[in-house]
Amino acid sequence: MAREVLEEEKTKLEEDALIYSKRDPDGGKEEYEKLDRKGKLQFFKDYYLKTILAVILIAVFGGYYIAEAINKPHNVLYIAIEGDVFSSERVHQMELDIEKYLSLGPKEKVVINTDFSSDNLQSWQQLQTYLYSGTADIVIANKEAFTRWAECGYFLEPDSSQDVAFYRELEKKDRLYTKYTTSEEFRQGKEEDDTMYNYGISIIDSEKYKSLGGLSDTAYAGICNASKHVDEAVAFLQYLLDDSIKAGSVNPEFAGE
């Protein structure tokens, strides 16, 4: 019965239907050559035009995104400022001054992000992610906010990193010391280690930092231990601390790079 139904369905198709035609050994070239100009154009539209247009679109858009990725400036220094308000124009000018100081090229940039706030959970979590991943190179915050990050051990300190050995050259009152509380101590309520670590330095007296016009009466800075740009971060802090270095100066250590 099933065979009779199949035979009946088959007879409904035209005898010369493509599914029943024998495969042309020359790929249909002979039939194509018989077509007139209009027929060949229609054949091209039916079988090739959509594919060619799709390939062209993929190539155009793919090339655009590749060019964007190649030419997009990448961050050489990312500075996160938490809990203060600044003039966006002054912040941008400092970014330009630091880019010149570090002799950055056209595809390199400095970012100073002042949008972080300890009062906003999403903002706090974002900064924590940036600290953990090494996206942020430097954090600047008031004493309370900075201490919170420092106690989690996110910053370099001179006892274990020569990169920040210059902290010791500052007066003790300008160095911030905090404990380091491990996650295990915090979760299990274990007794904390009383050792104090110099995780940050005060920059509140820096004339360059004052020029930003912030409202906080304390400002501490630290270099993130996951930073991928420690040399640039160190140069930036030394730039802030040395008021003899004027805006628009170029650091000779970076000028030849």
C-alpha atoms as a PDB file:
ATOM      1  CA  MET A   1       0.000   0.000   0.000  1.00  0.00           C
ATOM      2  CA  ALA A   2       2.780   2.380   0.958  1.00  0.00           C
ATOM      3  CA  ARG A   3       4.523   1.685  -2.345  1.00  0.00           C
ATOM      4  CA  GLU A   4       1.356   2.530  -4.318  1.00  0.00           C
ATOM      5  CA  VAL A   5       1.079   5.907  -2.488  1.00  0.00           C
ATOM      6  CA  LEU A   6       4.693   6.773  -3.266  1.00  0.00           C
ATOM      7  CA  GLU A   7       4.220   5.871  -6.928  1.00  0.00           C
ATOM      8  CA  GLU A   8       1.098   8.030  -7.061  1.00  0.00           C
ATOM      9  CA  GLU A   9       2.904  11.028  -5.544  1.00  0.00           C
ATOM     10  CA  LYS A  10       5.775  10.581  -7.985  1.00  0.00           C
ATOM     11  CA  THR A  11       3.497  10.760 -10.994  1.00  0.00           C
ATOM     12  CA  LYS A  12       2.224  14.169  -9.808  1.00  0.00           C
ATOM     13  CA  LEU A  13       5.645  15.683 -10.496  1.00  0.00           C
ATOM     14  CA  GLU A  14       6.653  16.730 -13.945  1.00  0.00           C
ATOM     15  CA  GLU A  15       8.606  14.134 -15.810  1.00  0.00           C
ATOM     16  CA  ASP A  16      11.549  16.451 -16.264  1.00  0.00           C
ATOM     17  CA  ALA A  17      11.650  17.519 -12.556  1.00  0.00           C
ATOM     18  CA  LEU A  18      15.171  18.257 -11.332  1.00  0.00           C
ATOM     19  CA  ILE A  19      15.000  15.597  -8.620  1.00  0.00           C
ATOM     20  CA  TYR A  20      14.572  12.875 -11.242  1.00  0.00           C
ATOM     21  CA  SER A  21      16.939  14.250 -13.847  1.00  0.00           C
ATOM     22  CA  LYS A  22      20.307  12.630 -14.344  1.00  0.00           C
ATOM     23  CA  ARG A  23      23.336  14.597 -13.158  1.00  0.00           C
ATOM     24  CA  ASP A  24      25.010  16.318 -16.063  1.00  0.00           C
ATOM     25  CA  PRO A  25      28.678  15.221 -16.106  1.00  0.00           C
ATOM     26  CA  ASP A  26      29.803  18.663 -17.351  1.00  0.00           C
ATOM     27  CA  GLY A  27      27.993  20.448 -14.459  1.00  0.00           C
ATOM     28  CA  GLY A  28      25.370  21.940 -16.782  1.00  0.00           C
ATOM     29  CA  LYS A  29      27.951  23.911 -18.720  1.00  0.00           C
ATOM     30  CA  GLU A  30      26.533  22.849 -22.038  1.00  0.00           C
ATOM     31  CA  GLU A  31      23.006  23.923 -21.096  1.00  0.00           C
ATOM     32  CA  TYR A  32      24.364  27.211 -19.737  1.00  0.00           C
ATOM     33  CA  GLU A  33      26.122  27.929 -23.028  1.00  0.00           C
ATOM     34  CA  LYS A  34      22.823  27.527 -24.855  1.00  0.00           C
ATOM     35  CA  LEU A  35      21.237  30.338 -22.844  1.00  0.00           C
ATOM     36  CA  ASP A  36      21.002  33.805 -24.349  1.00  0.00           C
ATOM     37  CA  ARG A  37      22.394  36.872 -22.550  1.00  0.00           C
ATOM     38  CA  LYS A  38      19.179  37.443 -20.628  1.00  0.00           C
ATOM     39  CA  GLY A  39      19.048  33.815 -19.570  1.00  0.00           C
ATOM     40  CA  LYS A  40      22.640  33.832 -18.363  1.00  0.00           C
ATOM     41  CA  LEU A  41      21.987  36.991 -16.362  1.00  0.00           C
ATOM     42  CA  GLN A  42      18.961  35.386 -14.742  1.00  0.00           C
ATOM     43  CA  PHE A  43      20.976  32.242 -14.009  1.00  0.00           C
ATOM     44  CA  PHE A  44      23.641  34.386 -12.315  1.00  0.00           C
ATOM     45  CA  LYS A  45      21.019  36.187 -10.218  1.00  0.00           C
ATOM     46  CA  ASP A  46      19.345  32.938  -9.180  1.00  0.00           C
ATOM     47  CA  TYR A  47      22.442  30.999  -8.181  1.00  0.00           C
ATOM     48  CA  TYR A  48      25.283  33.402  -7.364  1.00  0.00           C
ATOM     49  CA  LEU A  49      24.147  36.960  -6.645  1.00  0.00           C
ATOM     50  CA  LYS A  50      22.899  36.416  -3.072  1.00  0.00           C
ATOM     51  CA  THR A  51      26.021  34.484  -2.123  1.00  0.00           C
ATOM     52  CA  ILE A  52      28.320  37.154  -3.560  1.00  0.00           C
ATOM     53  CA  LEU A  53      26.414  39.948  -1.817  1.00  0.00           C
ATOM     54  CA  ALA A  54      26.601  38.056   1.488  1.00  0.00           C
ATOM     55  CA  VAL A  55      30.369  37.582   1.096  1.00  0.00           C
ATOM     56  CA  ILE A  56      30.813  41.279   0.289  1.00  0.00           C
ATOM     57  CA  LEU A  57      28.791  42.350   3.349  1.00  0.00           C
ATOM     58  CA  ILE A  58      30.755  40.016   5.618  1.00  0.00           C
ATOM     59  CA  ALA A  59      34.032  41.355   4.224  1.00  0.00           C
ATOM     60  CA  VAL A  60      32.959  45.001   4.613  1.00  0.00           C
ATOM     61  CA  PHE A  61      31.668  44.661   8.163  1.00  0.00           C
ATOM     62  CA  GLY A  62      34.482  42.336   9.172  1.00  0.00           C
ATOM     63  CA  GLY A  63      37.051  44.763   7.807  1.00  0.00           C
ATOM     64  CA  TYR A  64      35.357  47.650   9.618  1.00  0.00           C
ATOM     65  CA  TYR A  65      35.475  45.931  13.007  1.00  0.00           C
ATOM     66  CA  ILE A  66      39.050  44.771  12.478  1.00  0.00           C
ATOM     67  CA  ALA A  67      40.097  48.321  11.599  1.00  0.00           C
ATOM     68  CA  GLU A  68      38.253  49.644  14.657  1.00  0.00           C
ATOM     69  CA  ALA A  69      40.031  47.147  16.892  1.00  0.00           C
ATOM     70  CA  ILE A  70      43.438  47.990  15.404  1.00  0.00           C
ATOM     71  CA  ASN A  71      43.000  51.760  15.550  1.00  0.00           C
ATOM     72  CA  LYS A  72      41.147  51.973  18.855  1.00  0.00           C
ATOM     73  CA  PRO A  73      43.352  53.595  21.530  1.00  0.00           C
ATOM     74  CA  HIS A  74      44.182  51.306  24.441  1.00  0.00           C
ATOM     75  CA  ASN A  75      44.549  52.302  28.072  1.00  0.00           C
ATOM     76  CA  VAL A  76      48.107  52.730  29.306  1.00  0.00           C
ATOM     77  CA  LEU A  77      46.979  54.041  32.677  1.00  0.00           C
ATOM     78  CA  TYR A  78      43.576  53.700  34.343  1.00  0.00           C
ATOM     79  CA  ILE A  79      42.980  55.813  37.445  1.00  0.00           C
ATOM     80  CA  ALA A  80      39.828  55.173  39.473  1.00  0.00           C
ATOM     81  CA  ILE A  81      38.723  57.997  41.775  1.00  0.00           C
ATOM     82  CA  GLU A  82      36.063  57.100  44.303  1.00  0.00           C
ATOM     83  CA  GLY A  83      33.800  59.387  46.285  1.00  0.00           C
ATOM     84  CA  ASP A  84      34.660  62.863  45.042  1.00  0.00           C
ATOM     85  CA  VAL A  85      33.326  65.405  42.557  1.00  0.00           C
ATOM     86  CA  PHE A  86      35.470  67.128  39.927  1.00  0.00           C
ATOM     87  CA  SER A  87      35.158  69.358  36.910  1.00  0.00           C
ATOM     88  CA  SER A  88      35.105  67.113  33.838  1.00  0.00           C
ATOM     89  CA  GLU A  89      37.120  69.718  31.900  1.00  0.00           C
ATOM     90  CA  ARG A  90      39.889  69.717  34.521  1.00  0.00           C
ATOM     91  CA  VAL A  91      39.933  65.927  34.640  1.00  0.00           C
ATOM     92  CA  HIS A  92      40.270  65.747  30.851  1.00  0.00           C
ATOM     93  CA  GLN A  93      43.086  68.284  30.915  1.00  0.00           C
ATOM     94  CA  MET A  94      44.940  66.199  33.497  1.00  0.00           C
ATOM     95  CA  GLU A  95      44.520  63.134  31.266  1.00  0.00           C
ATOM     96  CA  LEU A  96      46.162  65.073  28.424  1.00  0.00           C
ATOM     97  CA  ASP A  97      48.949  66.332  30.702  1.00  0.00           C
ATOM     98  CA  ILE A  98      49.726  62.802  31.896  1.00  0.00           C
ATOM     99  CA  GLU A  99      49.655  61.438  28.345  1.00  0.00           C
ATOM    100  CA  LYS A 100      52.264  64.046  27.411  1.00  0.00           C
ATOM    101  CA  TYR A 101      54.290  63.339  30.561  1.00  0.00           C
ATOM    102  CA  LEU A 102      54.394  59.637  29.649  1.00  0.00           C
ATOM    103  CA  SER A 103      55.083  60.390  25.958  1.00  0.00           C
ATOM    104  CA  LEU A 104      52.139  58.288  24.838  1.00  0.00           C
ATOM    105  CA  GLY A 105      51.427  57.663  21.185  1.00  0.00           C
ATOM    106  CA  PRO A 106      48.174  58.390  19.302  1.00  0.00           C
ATOM    107  CA  LYS A 107      46.854  54.883  20.040  1.00  0.00           C
ATOM    108  CA  GLU A 108      47.541  55.118  23.769  1.00  0.00           C
ATOM    109  CA  LYS A 109      45.552  56.979  26.389  1.00  0.00           C
ATOM    110  CA  VAL A 110      45.127  57.738  30.071  1.00  0.00           C
ATOM    111  CA  VAL A 111      41.706  57.316  31.667  1.00  0.00           C
ATOM    112  CA  ILE A 112      40.664  59.018  34.897  1.00  0.00           C
ATOM    113  CA  ASN A 113      37.279  57.644  35.924  1.00  0.00           C
ATOM    114  CA  THR A 114      35.573  59.702  38.634  1.00  0.00           C
ATOM    115  CA  ASP A 115      32.230  57.878  38.525  1.00  0.00           C
ATOM    116  CA  PHE A 116      32.905  55.395  41.332  1.00  0.00           C
ATOM    117  CA  SER A 117      30.972  55.743  44.570  1.00  0.00           C
ATOM    118  CA  SER A 118      31.054  53.650  47.736  1.00  0.00           C
ATOM    119  CA  ASP A 119      27.372  54.512  48.257  1.00  0.00           C
ATOM    120  CA  ASN A 120      26.359  52.662  45.102  1.00  0.00           C
ATOM    121  CA  LEU A 121      26.556  48.851  45.286  1.00  0.00           C
ATOM    122  CA  GLN A 122      26.864  48.378  41.527  1.00  0.00           C
ATOM    123  CA  SER A 123      29.648  50.965  41.345  1.00  0.00           C
ATOM    124  CA  TRP A 124      31.428  49.357  44.298  1.00  0.00           C
ATOM    125  CA  GLN A 125      31.236  45.910  42.693  1.00  0.00           C
ATOM    126  CA  GLN A 126      32.520  47.259  39.388  1.00  0.00           C
ATOM    127  CA  LEU A 127      35.565  48.825  41.041  1.00  0.00           C
ATOM    128  CA  GLN A 128      36.209  45.600  42.927  1.00  0.00           C
ATOM    129  CA  THR A 129      36.192  43.734  39.609  1.00  0.00           C
ATOM    130  CA  TYR A 130      38.590  46.284  38.109  1.00  0.00           C
ATOM    131  CA  LEU A 131      40.948  45.870  41.060  1.00  0.00           C
ATOM    132  CA  TYR A 132      40.857  42.090  40.867  1.00  0.00           C
ATOM    133  CA  SER A 133      41.322  41.923  37.080  1.00  0.00           C
ATOM    134  CA  GLY A 134      44.039  44.585  36.841  1.00  0.00           C
ATOM    135  CA  THR A 135      41.894  46.938  34.762  1.00  0.00           C
ATOM    136  CA  ALA A 136      42.482  49.677  37.339  1.00  0.00           C
ATOM    137  CA  ASP A 137      46.094  50.699  37.894  1.00  0.00           C
ATOM    138  CA  ILE A 138      45.581  53.297  40.627  1.00  0.00           C
ATOM    139  CA  VAL A 139      42.822  54.016  43.117  1.00  0.00           C
ATOM    140  CA  ILE A 140      42.352  57.428  44.720  1.00  0.00           C
ATOM    141  CA  ALA A 141      39.793  57.741  47.487  1.00  0.00           C
ATOM    142  CA  ASN A 142      39.118  59.354  50.842  1.00  0.00           C
ATOM    143  CA  LYS A 143      40.622  57.703  53.896  1.00  0.00           C
ATOM    144  CA  GLU A 144      37.584  55.607  54.782  1.00  0.00           C
ATOM    145  CA  ALA A 145      37.014  54.249  51.284  1.00  0.00           C
ATOM    146  CA  PHE A 146      40.716  53.696  50.599  1.00  0.00           C
ATOM    147  CA  THR A 147      41.193  51.847  53.891  1.00  0.00           C
ATOM    148  CA  ARG A 148      38.395  49.446  52.974  1.00  0.00           C
ATOM    149  CA  TRP A 149      40.178  48.459  49.768  1.00  0.00           C
ATOM    150  CA  ALA A 150      43.596  48.409  51.445  1.00  0.00           C
ATOM    151  CA  GLU A 151      42.452  45.987  54.136  1.00  0.00           C
ATOM    152  CA  CYS A 152      41.539  43.563  51.357  1.00  0.00           C
ATOM    153  CA  GLY A 153      45.162  43.653  50.165  1.00  0.00           C
ATOM    154  CA  TYR A 154      44.561  45.127  46.722  1.00  0.00           C
ATOM    155  CA  PHE A 155      47.609  47.433  46.714  1.00  0.00           C
ATOM    156  CA  LEU A 156      51.383  47.194  46.435  1.00  0.00           C
ATOM    157  CA  GLU A 157      53.390  48.013  49.550  1.00  0.00           C
ATOM    158  CA  PRO A 158      57.111  48.746  49.928  1.00  0.00           C
ATOM    159  CA  ASP A 159      57.969  45.743  52.127  1.00  0.00           C
ATOM    160  CA  SER A 160      57.223  43.363  49.287  1.00  0.00           C
ATOM    161  CA  SER A 161      57.521  45.540  46.160  1.00  0.00           C
ATOM    162  CA  GLN A 162      60.499  47.688  45.190  1.00  0.00           C
ATOM    163  CA  ASP A 163      58.247  49.508  42.716  1.00  0.00           C
ATOM    164  CA  VAL A 164      56.759  51.521  45.574  1.00  0.00           C
ATOM    165  CA  ALA A 165      59.901  51.794  47.684  1.00  0.00           C
ATOM    166  CA  PHE A 166      59.663  55.571  47.213  1.00  0.00           C
ATOM    167  CA  TYR A 167      56.794  55.557  49.760  1.00  0.00           C
ATOM    168  CA  ARG A 168      59.493  55.372  52.432  1.00  0.00           C
ATOM    169  CA  GLU A 169      60.873  58.714  51.314  1.00  0.00           C
ATOM    170  CA  LEU A 170      57.661  60.443  52.392  1.00  0.00           C
ATOM    171  CA  GLU A 171      56.961  61.661  55.890  1.00  0.00           C
ATOM    172  CA  LYS A 172      55.193  59.058  57.998  1.00  0.00           C
ATOM    173  CA  LYS A 173      52.111  61.263  58.321  1.00  0.00           C
ATOM    174  CA  ASP A 174      51.725  61.025  54.529  1.00  0.00           C
ATOM    175  CA  ARG A 175      51.789  57.231  54.495  1.00  0.00           C
ATOM    176  CA  LEU A 176      48.646  55.239  55.186  1.00  0.00           C
ATOM    177  CA  TYR A 177      49.093  52.020  57.184  1.00  0.00           C
ATOM    178  CA  THR A 178      46.336  49.431  57.486  1.00  0.00           C
ATOM    179  CA  LYS A 179      45.888  45.820  58.465  1.00  0.00           C
ATOM    180  CA  TYR A 180      45.331  43.095  55.908  1.00  0.00           C
ATOM    181  CA  THR A 181      42.326  40.912  56.624  1.00  0.00           C
ATOM    182  CA  THR A 182      42.212  37.665  54.659  1.00  0.00           C
ATOM    183  CA  SER A 183      38.896  36.301  53.431  1.00  0.00           C
ATOM    184  CA  GLU A 184      39.378  33.267  55.685  1.00  0.00           C
ATOM    185  CA  GLU A 185      39.809  35.468  58.748  1.00  0.00           C
ATOM    186  CA  PHE A 186      36.731  37.432  57.800  1.00  0.00           C
ATOM    187  CA  ARG A 187      34.511  34.384  57.142  1.00  0.00           C
ATOM    188  CA  GLN A 188      35.616  32.274  60.103  1.00  0.00           C
ATOM    189  CA  GLY A 189      36.076  35.072  62.603  1.00  0.00           C
ATOM    190  CA  LYS A 190      39.722  34.197  63.159  1.00  0.00           C
ATOM    191  CA  GLU A 191      42.014  36.507  65.085  1.00  0.00           C
ATOM    192  CA  GLU A 192      43.412  39.187  62.785  1.00  0.00           C
ATOM    193  CA  ASP A 193      47.100  39.754  62.137  1.00  0.00           C
ATOM    194  CA  ASP A 194      48.079  43.064  63.747  1.00  0.00           C
ATOM    195  CA  THR A 195      50.804  43.786  61.194  1.00  0.00           C
ATOM    196  CA  MET A 196      50.316  47.193  59.562  1.00  0.00           C
ATOM    197  CA  TYR A 197      51.103  47.634  55.866  1.00  0.00           C
ATOM    198  CA  ASN A 198      51.865  50.848  53.996  1.00  0.00           C
ATOM    199  CA  TYR A 199      49.354  50.398  51.179  1.00  0.00           C
ATOM    200  CA  GLY A 200      48.782  54.041  50.311  1.00  0.00           C
ATOM    201  CA  ILE A 201      50.056  57.603  50.361  1.00  0.00           C
ATOM    202  CA  SER A 202      48.380  60.956  50.832  1.00  0.00           C
ATOM    203  CA  ILE A 203      48.125  63.220  47.792  1.00  0.00           C
ATOM    204  CA  ILE A 204      45.818  65.833  49.320  1.00  0.00           C
ATOM    205  CA  ASP A 205      48.632  68.427  49.377  1.00  0.00           C
ATOM    206  CA  SER A 206      49.543  67.917  45.740  1.00  0.00           C
ATOM    207  CA  GLU A 207      48.999  71.165  43.833  1.00  0.00           C
ATOM    208  CA  LYS A 208      48.127  69.217  40.682  1.00  0.00           C
ATOM    209  CA  TYR A 209      45.528  67.179  42.542  1.00  0.00           C
ATOM    210  CA  LYS A 210      44.114  70.332  44.130  1.00  0.00           C
ATOM    211  CA  SER A 211      43.748  71.795  40.638  1.00  0.00           C
ATOM    212  CA  LEU A 212      41.006  69.232  39.964  1.00  0.00           C
ATOM    213  CA  GLY A 213      38.844  71.067  42.476  1.00  0.00           C
ATOM    214  CA  GLY A 214      37.669  68.093  44.507  1.00  0.00           C
ATOM    215  CA  LEU A 215      35.556  68.444  47.652  1.00  0.00           C
ATOM    216  CA  SER A 216      37.120  65.737  49.854  1.00  0.00           C
ATOM    217  CA  ASP A 217      39.432  66.785  52.682  1.00  0.00           C
ATOM    218  CA  THR A 218      41.421  63.526  52.424  1.00  0.00           C
ATOM    219  CA  ALA A 219      42.822  61.795  49.371  1.00  0.00           C
ATOM    220  CA  TYR A 220      44.943  58.656  49.375  1.00  0.00           C
ATOM    221  CA  ALA A 221      46.372  56.829  46.385  1.00  0.00           C
ATOM    222  CA  GLY A 222      47.661  53.317  45.893  1.00  0.00           C
ATOM    223  CA  ILE A 223      48.921  51.196  43.018  1.00  0.00           C
ATOM    224  CA  CYS A 224      46.912  48.036  42.424  1.00  0.00           C
ATOM    225  CA  ASN A 225      48.912  44.833  42.834  1.00  0.00           C
ATOM    226  CA  ALA A 226      47.249  43.404  39.706  1.00  0.00           C
ATOM    227  CA  SER A 227      48.208  46.453  37.600  1.00  0.00           C
ATOM    228  CA  LYS A 228      49.692  45.757  34.169  1.00  0.00           C
ATOM    229  CA  HIS A 229      51.209  49.261  33.987  1.00  0.00           C
ATOM    230  CA  VAL A 230      53.153  49.641  37.221  1.00  0.00           C
ATOM    231  CA  ASP A 231      55.909  51.803  35.697  1.00  0.00           C
ATOM    232  CA  GLU A 232      53.383  54.304  34.380  1.00  0.00           C
ATOM    233  CA  ALA A 233      51.469  54.229  37.676  1.00  0.00           C
ATOM    234  CA  VAL A 234      54.638  54.980  39.657  1.00  0.00           C
ATOM    235  CA  ALA A 235      55.513  57.831  37.285  1.00  0.00           C
ATOM    236  CA  PHE A 236      52.036  59.297  37.717  1.00  0.00           C
ATOM    237  CA  LEU A 237      52.220  59.314  41.526  1.00  0.00           C
ATOM    238  CA  GLN A 238      55.673  60.873  41.452  1.00  0.00           C
ATOM    239  CA  TYR A 239      54.321  63.463  39.011  1.00  0.00           C
ATOM    240  CA  LEU A 240      51.550  64.352  41.472  1.00  0.00           C
ATOM    241  CA  LEU A 241      53.871  64.534  44.460  1.00  0.00           C
ATOM    242  CA  ASP A 242      56.575  66.656  42.850  1.00  0.00           C
ATOM    243  CA  ASP A 243      55.210  70.181  42.451  1.00  0.00           C
ATOM    244  CA  SER A 244      58.414  71.210  40.653  1.00  0.00           C
ATOM    245  CA  ILE A 245      57.210  69.148  37.663  1.00  0.00           C
ATOM    246  CA  LYS A 246      54.885  71.467  35.794  1.00  0.00           C
ATOM    247  CA  ALA A 247      51.914  70.448  33.678  1.00  0.00           C
ATOM    248  CA  GLY A 248      53.064  69.933  30.102  1.00  0.00           C
ATOM    249  CA  SER A 249      56.394  68.407  31.111  1.00  0.00           C
ATOM    250  CA  VAL A 250      57.732  65.200  29.553  1.00  0.00           C
ATOM    251  CA  ASN A 251      59.290  62.465  31.648  1.00  0.00           C
ATOM    252  CA  PRO A 252      62.727  61.773  30.133  1.00  0.00           C
ATOM    253  CA  GLU A 253      62.483  58.092  31.120  1.00  0.00           C
ATOM    254  CA  PHE A 254      59.508  57.679  28.758  1.00  0.00           C
ATOM    255  CA  ALA A 255      60.487  60.163  26.046  1.00  0.00           C
ATOM    256  CA  GLY A 256      62.575  57.694  24.073  1.00  0.00           C
ATOM    257  CA  GLU A 257      60.034  54.871  24.105  1.00  0.00           C
END
